[in-house]
Amino acid sequence: MADLKNLNPGLTPYAKYLYAIGKYYDPLLVVTSGYRSAAKQEKLYQRYLSGASKIPAAPPGRSLHGYGLAFDLARIGKNPFGDPLLTWLGQVWESWGGRYGGQADPVHFQVRM
């Protein structure tokens, strides 16, 4: 599993707090991605293009993960599409001024640009 260590320092405390809130409601909530290298982003992008993953991925240089400004959360063994916990966490995140990926990208949380 990924961690939140290499996020932008201004984002880190908010991401950790949101994660702690979610973890309180479901111990199976995990961080699936934080900062991503260009190589990792390319790999995810190719998986998305090939249809191997339903979770959207931008090309390297276009994802805020590469700048430490985004992170992904998911629950082990739970389909993220339509997950009520992720939807609720997304509402909390947006109430704090962030941007949530919504139904198109339900695991994605980022800064508002």
C-alpha atoms as a PDB file:
ATOM      1  CA  MET A   1       0.000   0.000   0.000  1.00  0.00           C
ATOM      2  CA  ALA A   2       1.066   3.555  -0.632  1.00  0.00           C
ATOM      3  CA  ASP A   3       1.448   6.297   1.929  1.00  0.00           C
ATOM      4  CA  LEU A   4       0.948  10.036   2.260  1.00  0.00           C
ATOM      5  CA  LYS A   5       4.582  10.876   3.144  1.00  0.00           C
ATOM      6  CA  ASN A   6       5.680  12.456  -0.127  1.00  0.00           C
ATOM      7  CA  LEU A   7       2.704  14.738  -0.669  1.00  0.00           C
ATOM      8  CA  ASN A   8       3.088  18.504  -0.816  1.00  0.00           C
ATOM      9  CA  PRO A   9       3.607  19.655   2.812  1.00  0.00           C
ATOM     10  CA  GLY A  10       0.574  21.957   2.582  1.00  0.00           C
ATOM     11  CA  LEU A  11      -1.664  19.033   1.602  1.00  0.00           C
ATOM     12  CA  THR A  12      -0.300  16.368   3.951  1.00  0.00           C
ATOM     13  CA  PRO A  13      -2.121  17.283   7.199  1.00  0.00           C
ATOM     14  CA  TYR A  14      -5.496  17.493   5.437  1.00  0.00           C
ATOM     15  CA  ALA A  15      -4.941  14.202   3.611  1.00  0.00           C
ATOM     16  CA  LYS A  16      -3.909  12.471   6.846  1.00  0.00           C
ATOM     17  CA  TYR A  17      -6.935  13.831   8.682  1.00  0.00           C
ATOM     18  CA  LEU A  18      -9.354  12.740   5.948  1.00  0.00           C
ATOM     19  CA  TYR A  19      -7.728   9.298   5.926  1.00  0.00           C
ATOM     20  CA  ALA A  20      -8.042   9.043   9.730  1.00  0.00           C
ATOM     21  CA  ILE A  21     -11.741   9.942   9.533  1.00  0.00           C
ATOM     22  CA  GLY A  22     -12.342   7.275   6.895  1.00  0.00           C
ATOM     23  CA  LYS A  23     -10.271   4.697   8.759  1.00  0.00           C
ATOM     24  CA  TYR A  24     -12.424   5.283  11.857  1.00  0.00           C
ATOM     25  CA  TYR A  25     -15.501   4.198   9.890  1.00  0.00           C
ATOM     26  CA  ASP A  26     -13.796   1.327   8.079  1.00  0.00           C
ATOM     27  CA  PRO A  27     -10.431  -0.123   9.140  1.00  0.00           C
ATOM     28  CA  LEU A  28     -10.079  -1.585   5.622  1.00  0.00           C
ATOM     29  CA  LEU A  29      -9.643   1.886   4.084  1.00  0.00           C
ATOM     30  CA  VAL A  30      -6.153   2.212   2.593  1.00  0.00           C
ATOM     31  CA  VAL A  31      -4.083   4.771   0.741  1.00  0.00           C
ATOM     32  CA  THR A  32      -3.618   3.287  -2.717  1.00  0.00           C
ATOM     33  CA  SER A  33      -1.566   6.133  -4.157  1.00  0.00           C
ATOM     34  CA  GLY A  34       0.096   9.367  -3.117  1.00  0.00           C
ATOM     35  CA  TYR A  35       3.006  10.927  -4.976  1.00  0.00           C
ATOM     36  CA  ARG A  36       3.781   9.072  -8.220  1.00  0.00           C
ATOM     37  CA  SER A  37       6.927   9.113 -10.315  1.00  0.00           C
ATOM     38  CA  ALA A  38       6.583   9.683 -14.062  1.00  0.00           C
ATOM     39  CA  ALA A  39       7.418   6.005 -14.636  1.00  0.00           C
ATOM     40  CA  LYS A  40       4.659   4.845 -12.272  1.00  0.00           C
ATOM     41  CA  GLN A  41       2.201   7.286 -13.863  1.00  0.00           C
ATOM     42  CA  GLU A  42       3.069   5.974 -17.335  1.00  0.00           C
ATOM     43  CA  LYS A  43       2.440   2.408 -16.179  1.00  0.00           C
ATOM     44  CA  LEU A  44      -0.987   3.330 -14.756  1.00  0.00           C
ATOM     45  CA  TYR A  45      -1.827   5.353 -17.866  1.00  0.00           C
ATOM     46  CA  GLN A  46      -1.019   2.393 -20.139  1.00  0.00           C
ATOM     47  CA  ARG A  47      -3.134   0.068 -17.953  1.00  0.00           C
ATOM     48  CA  TYR A  48      -6.050   2.485 -18.282  1.00  0.00           C
ATOM     49  CA  LEU A  49      -5.621   2.844 -22.058  1.00  0.00           C
ATOM     50  CA  SER A  50      -5.475  -0.934 -22.494  1.00  0.00           C
ATOM     51  CA  GLY A  51      -8.679  -1.418 -20.500  1.00  0.00           C
ATOM     52  CA  ALA A  52      -6.909  -3.339 -17.730  1.00  0.00           C
ATOM     53  CA  SER A  53      -8.059  -0.700 -15.214  1.00  0.00           C
ATOM     54  CA  LYS A  54     -11.359   1.159 -14.964  1.00  0.00           C
ATOM     55  CA  ILE A  55      -9.787   3.846 -12.787  1.00  0.00           C
ATOM     56  CA  PRO A  56      -8.794   6.796 -15.007  1.00  0.00           C
ATOM     57  CA  ALA A  57      -5.130   7.776 -15.248  1.00  0.00           C
ATOM     58  CA  ALA A  58      -3.662  10.830 -16.925  1.00  0.00           C
ATOM     59  CA  PRO A  59      -0.426  10.742 -18.912  1.00  0.00           C
ATOM     60  CA  PRO A  60       2.784  11.646 -17.056  1.00  0.00           C
ATOM     61  CA  GLY A  61       3.056  15.379 -16.431  1.00  0.00           C
ATOM     62  CA  ARG A  62      -0.736  15.828 -16.476  1.00  0.00           C
ATOM     63  CA  SER A  63      -1.517  14.156 -13.141  1.00  0.00           C
ATOM     64  CA  LEU A  64      -1.368  16.068  -9.868  1.00  0.00           C
ATOM     65  CA  HIS A  65       0.006  12.882  -8.271  1.00  0.00           C
ATOM     66  CA  GLY A  66       3.317  13.708  -9.944  1.00  0.00           C
ATOM     67  CA  TYR A  67       3.432  16.992  -8.040  1.00  0.00           C
ATOM     68  CA  GLY A  68       2.383  15.538  -4.692  1.00  0.00           C
ATOM     69  CA  LEU A  69      -0.985  17.300  -4.923  1.00  0.00           C
ATOM     70  CA  ALA A  70      -3.289  14.260  -5.097  1.00  0.00           C
ATOM     71  CA  PHE A  71      -3.872  10.951  -3.337  1.00  0.00           C
ATOM     72  CA  ASP A  72      -6.152   7.948  -3.743  1.00  0.00           C
ATOM     73  CA  LEU A  73      -8.121   6.059  -1.101  1.00  0.00           C
ATOM     74  CA  ALA A  74     -10.015   2.773  -1.418  1.00  0.00           C
ATOM     75  CA  ARG A  75     -11.435   0.004   0.745  1.00  0.00           C
ATOM     76  CA  ILE A  76      -9.904  -3.460   0.530  1.00  0.00           C
ATOM     77  CA  GLY A  77     -12.310  -5.854  -1.159  1.00  0.00           C
ATOM     78  CA  LYS A  78     -14.864  -3.154  -2.034  1.00  0.00           C
ATOM     79  CA  ASN A  79     -15.677  -1.852  -5.513  1.00  0.00           C
ATOM     80  CA  PRO A  80     -14.899   1.892  -5.377  1.00  0.00           C
ATOM     81  CA  PHE A  81     -17.618   2.753  -7.894  1.00  0.00           C
ATOM     82  CA  GLY A  82     -20.687   3.710  -5.872  1.00  0.00           C
ATOM     83  CA  ASP A  83     -18.898   3.221  -2.536  1.00  0.00           C
ATOM     84  CA  PRO A  84     -20.871   5.313  -0.018  1.00  0.00           C
ATOM     85  CA  LEU A  85     -17.857   5.874   2.256  1.00  0.00           C
ATOM     86  CA  LEU A  86     -15.726   7.272  -0.578  1.00  0.00           C
ATOM     87  CA  THR A  87     -18.628   9.431  -1.737  1.00  0.00           C
ATOM     88  CA  TRP A  88     -19.066  10.809   1.772  1.00  0.00           C
ATOM     89  CA  LEU A  89     -15.317  11.400   2.195  1.00  0.00           C
ATOM     90  CA  GLY A  90     -15.415  13.208  -1.144  1.00  0.00           C
ATOM     91  CA  GLN A  91     -18.141  15.505   0.177  1.00  0.00           C
ATOM     92  CA  VAL A  92     -16.069  16.205   3.284  1.00  0.00           C
ATOM     93  CA  TRP A  93     -12.996  16.847   1.115  1.00  0.00           C
ATOM     94  CA  GLU A  94     -14.875  19.299  -1.093  1.00  0.00           C
ATOM     95  CA  SER A  95     -16.298  21.090   1.964  1.00  0.00           C
ATOM     96  CA  TRP A  96     -12.666  21.737   2.945  1.00  0.00           C
ATOM     97  CA  GLY A  97     -11.961  23.231  -0.497  1.00  0.00           C
ATOM     98  CA  GLY A  98     -10.504  20.166  -2.232  1.00  0.00           C
ATOM     99  CA  ARG A  99     -11.633  18.442  -5.410  1.00  0.00           C
ATOM    100  CA  TYR A 100     -13.011  14.898  -5.403  1.00  0.00           C
ATOM    101  CA  GLY A 101     -12.930  12.607  -8.449  1.00  0.00           C
ATOM    102  CA  GLY A 102     -16.598  11.645  -8.029  1.00  0.00           C
ATOM    103  CA  GLN A 103     -18.163   8.687  -9.802  1.00  0.00           C
ATOM    104  CA  ALA A 104     -15.730   8.911 -12.727  1.00  0.00           C
ATOM    105  CA  ASP A 105     -12.699   8.512 -10.418  1.00  0.00           C
ATOM    106  CA  PRO A 106     -14.074   7.614  -6.968  1.00  0.00           C
ATOM    107  CA  VAL A 107     -10.700   6.965  -5.341  1.00  0.00           C
ATOM    108  CA  HIS A 108      -9.186  10.360  -6.251  1.00  0.00           C
ATOM    109  CA  PHE A 109      -8.747  13.358  -3.939  1.00  0.00           C
ATOM    110  CA  GLN A 110      -6.737  16.423  -4.978  1.00  0.00           C
ATOM    111  CA  VAL A 111      -6.217  20.121  -4.397  1.00  0.00           C
ATOM    112  CA  ARG A 112      -8.542  22.450  -6.258  1.00  0.00           C
ATOM    113  CA  MET A 113      -6.722  24.132  -9.145  1.00  0.00           C
END
